[in-house]
Amino acid sequence: QVQLVESGGGLVQVGGSLRLSCAASGRSFTNYGMSWFRQTPGKERELVAAISRSGGSTRYADSVKGRFTISRDNIKNTMYLQMSSLKPEDTAVYYCASREVYSSTIYTRPGMYDYWGQGTQVTVSS
């Protein structure tokens, strides 16, 4: 079993920055591919960014490329999402997710993930 706890959300002005963290506990962190998803009311959960278990491969949604950076610290068992140049459309609940992997494969669909955090609200005000 893996437990995931997000932190770092909050209210920020347009153009500002936030860093989200996802602390993992349980089984070996390095065996898990990790991702950030986000969701707004009435919409499906969408991939923001994903990272392979080593951190060597990443993938981003087109809407956040060049503004967000995903990373992980396999010593601290923590994943991060550095968000810059925030826009009102980035407002959402952000979730971290993980699944056990056996390669550097990155998964992009919510249904492919087994473990989820409780979510953290990010609100970008104009």
C-alpha atoms as a PDB file:
ATOM      1  CA  GLN A   1       0.000   0.000   0.000  1.00  0.00           C
ATOM      2  CA  VAL A   2       1.188   3.506  -0.850  1.00  0.00           C
ATOM      3  CA  GLN A   3       0.030   6.674   0.844  1.00  0.00           C
ATOM      4  CA  LEU A   4       0.325   9.980  -0.956  1.00  0.00           C
ATOM      5  CA  VAL A   5      -0.037  13.398   0.650  1.00  0.00           C
ATOM      6  CA  GLU A   6      -0.045  16.592  -1.409  1.00  0.00           C
ATOM      7  CA  SER A   7       0.835  20.023  -0.085  1.00  0.00           C
ATOM      8  CA  GLY A   8       1.691  23.454  -1.393  1.00  0.00           C
ATOM      9  CA  GLY A   9      -1.581  24.534  -2.950  1.00  0.00           C
ATOM     10  CA  GLY A  10      -3.120  27.917  -2.333  1.00  0.00           C
ATOM     11  CA  LEU A  11      -4.213  31.223  -3.803  1.00  0.00           C
ATOM     12  CA  VAL A  12      -1.868  33.015  -6.189  1.00  0.00           C
ATOM     13  CA  GLN A  13      -2.177  35.892  -8.615  1.00  0.00           C
ATOM     14  CA  VAL A  14      -1.908  35.556 -12.351  1.00  0.00           C
ATOM     15  CA  GLY A  15       1.721  35.201 -13.357  1.00  0.00           C
ATOM     16  CA  GLY A  16       2.735  33.907  -9.959  1.00  0.00           C
ATOM     17  CA  SER A  17       4.359  30.645  -8.939  1.00  0.00           C
ATOM     18  CA  LEU A  18       3.645  27.729  -6.635  1.00  0.00           C
ATOM     19  CA  ARG A  19       5.415  24.497  -5.847  1.00  0.00           C
ATOM     20  CA  LEU A  20       3.361  21.432  -5.051  1.00  0.00           C
ATOM     21  CA  SER A  21       4.806  18.495  -3.163  1.00  0.00           C
ATOM     22  CA  CYS A  22       3.644  14.907  -2.965  1.00  0.00           C
ATOM     23  CA  ALA A  23       5.110  12.884  -0.110  1.00  0.00           C
ATOM     24  CA  ALA A  24       4.905   9.126  -0.503  1.00  0.00           C
ATOM     25  CA  SER A  25       5.086   6.468   2.163  1.00  0.00           C
ATOM     26  CA  GLY A  26       4.791   2.750   2.031  1.00  0.00           C
ATOM     27  CA  ARG A  27       6.619   0.626  -0.480  1.00  0.00           C
ATOM     28  CA  SER A  28       9.798   1.495  -2.350  1.00  0.00           C
ATOM     29  CA  PHE A  29       9.320   4.860  -3.999  1.00  0.00           C
ATOM     30  CA  THR A  30      11.687   4.036  -6.830  1.00  0.00           C
ATOM     31  CA  ASN A  31       9.378   1.280  -8.062  1.00  0.00           C
ATOM     32  CA  TYR A  32       6.615   3.752  -8.809  1.00  0.00           C
ATOM     33  CA  GLY A  33       5.858   5.965 -11.747  1.00  0.00           C
ATOM     34  CA  MET A  34       4.304   9.219 -10.601  1.00  0.00           C
ATOM     35  CA  SER A  35       2.056  11.877 -12.059  1.00  0.00           C
ATOM     36  CA  TRP A  36       0.158  15.042 -11.345  1.00  0.00           C
ATOM     37  CA  PHE A  37      -3.445  15.339 -12.489  1.00  0.00           C
ATOM     38  CA  ARG A  38      -5.924  18.144 -12.025  1.00  0.00           C
ATOM     39  CA  GLN A  39      -9.673  18.423 -12.024  1.00  0.00           C
ATOM     40  CA  THR A  40     -12.284  21.166 -12.085  1.00  0.00           C
ATOM     41  CA  PRO A  41     -15.990  20.725 -11.318  1.00  0.00           C
ATOM     42  CA  GLY A  42     -17.870  18.998 -14.100  1.00  0.00           C
ATOM     43  CA  LYS A  43     -14.739  18.030 -15.988  1.00  0.00           C
ATOM     44  CA  GLU A  44     -12.723  14.871 -16.203  1.00  0.00           C
ATOM     45  CA  ARG A  45      -9.445  14.538 -14.391  1.00  0.00           C
ATOM     46  CA  GLU A  46      -6.636  15.482 -16.774  1.00  0.00           C
ATOM     47  CA  LEU A  47      -2.945  14.765 -16.833  1.00  0.00           C
ATOM     48  CA  VAL A  48      -0.706  17.703 -15.992  1.00  0.00           C
ATOM     49  CA  ALA A  49       2.689  16.000 -15.905  1.00  0.00           C
ATOM     50  CA  ALA A  50       4.193  12.565 -15.391  1.00  0.00           C
ATOM     51  CA  ILE A  51       7.623  11.291 -14.465  1.00  0.00           C
ATOM     52  CA  SER A  52       9.302   7.923 -14.750  1.00  0.00           C
ATOM     53  CA  ARG A  53      10.494   6.047 -11.692  1.00  0.00           C
ATOM     54  CA  SER A  54      14.084   7.219 -12.124  1.00  0.00           C
ATOM     55  CA  GLY A  55      13.090  10.757 -13.007  1.00  0.00           C
ATOM     56  CA  GLY A  56      14.854  10.469 -16.325  1.00  0.00           C
ATOM     57  CA  SER A  57      11.721  10.796 -18.450  1.00  0.00           C
ATOM     58  CA  THR A  58       8.900  13.290 -18.173  1.00  0.00           C
ATOM     59  CA  ARG A  59       5.745  14.196 -20.050  1.00  0.00           C
ATOM     60  CA  TYR A  60       3.623  17.318 -19.935  1.00  0.00           C
ATOM     61  CA  ALA A  61       0.213  18.429 -21.075  1.00  0.00           C
ATOM     62  CA  ASP A  62       0.518  20.915 -23.925  1.00  0.00           C
ATOM     63  CA  SER A  63      -1.222  23.525 -21.807  1.00  0.00           C
ATOM     64  CA  VAL A  64       1.566  23.573 -19.211  1.00  0.00           C
ATOM     65  CA  LYS A  65       4.679  22.973 -21.299  1.00  0.00           C
ATOM     66  CA  GLY A  66       7.320  25.578 -20.616  1.00  0.00           C
ATOM     67  CA  ARG A  67       5.573  26.739 -17.440  1.00  0.00           C
ATOM     68  CA  PHE A  68       5.484  23.665 -15.180  1.00  0.00           C
ATOM     69  CA  THR A  69       8.305  21.339 -14.179  1.00  0.00           C
ATOM     70  CA  ILE A  70       7.851  17.929 -12.609  1.00  0.00           C
ATOM     71  CA  SER A  71      10.625  16.367 -10.576  1.00  0.00           C
ATOM     72  CA  ARG A  72      11.178  13.771  -7.893  1.00  0.00           C
ATOM     73  CA  ASP A  73      13.610  13.140  -5.085  1.00  0.00           C
ATOM     74  CA  ASN A  74      13.956   9.398  -4.609  1.00  0.00           C
ATOM     75  CA  ILE A  75      15.852   9.889  -1.365  1.00  0.00           C
ATOM     76  CA  LYS A  76      13.111  11.990   0.194  1.00  0.00           C
ATOM     77  CA  ASN A  77      10.310   9.931  -1.404  1.00  0.00           C
ATOM     78  CA  THR A  78       8.783  13.123  -2.704  1.00  0.00           C
ATOM     79  CA  MET A  79       7.563  14.386  -6.057  1.00  0.00           C
ATOM     80  CA  TYR A  80       7.257  18.053  -6.951  1.00  0.00           C
ATOM     81  CA  LEU A  81       5.447  20.245  -9.426  1.00  0.00           C
ATOM     82  CA  GLN A  82       6.961  23.682  -9.901  1.00  0.00           C
ATOM     83  CA  MET A  83       4.324  25.900 -11.481  1.00  0.00           C
ATOM     84  CA  SER A  84       5.218  29.281 -12.958  1.00  0.00           C
ATOM     85  CA  SER A  85       3.444  31.908 -15.057  1.00  0.00           C
ATOM     86  CA  LEU A  86       0.169  30.685 -13.622  1.00  0.00           C
ATOM     87  CA  LYS A  87      -3.060  31.437 -15.452  1.00  0.00           C
ATOM     88  CA  PRO A  88      -6.680  31.470 -14.259  1.00  0.00           C
ATOM     89  CA  GLU A  89      -7.287  28.293 -16.269  1.00  0.00           C
ATOM     90  CA  ASP A  90      -4.761  26.499 -14.056  1.00  0.00           C
ATOM     91  CA  THR A  91      -7.252  26.772 -11.202  1.00  0.00           C
ATOM     92  CA  ALA A  92      -8.152  23.233 -10.131  1.00  0.00           C
ATOM     93  CA  VAL A  93      -7.694  20.581  -7.515  1.00  0.00           C
ATOM     94  CA  TYR A  94      -4.330  18.951  -8.134  1.00  0.00           C
ATOM     95  CA  TYR A  95      -3.810  15.296  -7.354  1.00  0.00           C
ATOM     96  CA  CYS A  96      -0.691  13.198  -7.288  1.00  0.00           C
ATOM     97  CA  ALA A  97      -0.916   9.608  -8.386  1.00  0.00           C
ATOM     98  CA  SER A  98       1.352   6.591  -8.506  1.00  0.00           C
ATOM     99  CA  ARG A  99       1.501   3.081  -9.861  1.00  0.00           C
ATOM    100  CA  GLU A 100       4.059   0.336  -9.677  1.00  0.00           C
ATOM    101  CA  VAL A 101       6.119   0.090 -12.843  1.00  0.00           C
ATOM    102  CA  TYR A 102       8.831  -2.217 -14.142  1.00  0.00           C
ATOM    103  CA  SER A 103      10.338   0.059 -16.748  1.00  0.00           C
ATOM    104  CA  SER A 104      10.610   3.731 -17.661  1.00  0.00           C
ATOM    105  CA  THR A 105       7.122   3.681 -19.179  1.00  0.00           C
ATOM    106  CA  ILE A 106       5.027   6.741 -18.429  1.00  0.00           C
ATOM    107  CA  TYR A 107       1.272   6.360 -18.059  1.00  0.00           C
ATOM    108  CA  THR A 108      -1.040   9.228 -18.882  1.00  0.00           C
ATOM    109  CA  ARG A 109      -4.571   8.048 -18.132  1.00  0.00           C
ATOM    110  CA  PRO A 110      -6.089   8.307 -14.637  1.00  0.00           C
ATOM    111  CA  GLY A 111      -7.365   4.730 -14.810  1.00  0.00           C
ATOM    112  CA  MET A 112      -3.800   3.457 -15.075  1.00  0.00           C
ATOM    113  CA  TYR A 113      -2.928   4.677 -11.581  1.00  0.00           C
ATOM    114  CA  ASP A 114      -3.561   2.746  -8.396  1.00  0.00           C
ATOM    115  CA  TYR A 115      -2.861   5.263  -5.664  1.00  0.00           C
ATOM    116  CA  TRP A 116      -4.064   8.829  -5.251  1.00  0.00           C
ATOM    117  CA  GLY A 117      -3.555  11.665  -2.832  1.00  0.00           C
ATOM    118  CA  GLN A 118      -6.408  13.664  -1.343  1.00  0.00           C
ATOM    119  CA  GLY A 119      -5.820  16.646  -3.617  1.00  0.00           C
ATOM    120  CA  THR A 120      -4.731  20.217  -3.047  1.00  0.00           C
ATOM    121  CA  GLN A 121      -6.567  23.288  -4.309  1.00  0.00           C
ATOM    122  CA  VAL A 122      -4.765  25.747  -6.559  1.00  0.00           C
ATOM    123  CA  THR A 123      -6.583  28.992  -7.281  1.00  0.00           C
ATOM    124  CA  VAL A 124      -5.179  31.586  -9.666  1.00  0.00           C
ATOM    125  CA  SER A 125      -6.864  34.936  -9.338  1.00  0.00           C
ATOM    126  CA  SER A 126      -6.921  37.722 -11.874  1.00  0.00           C
END
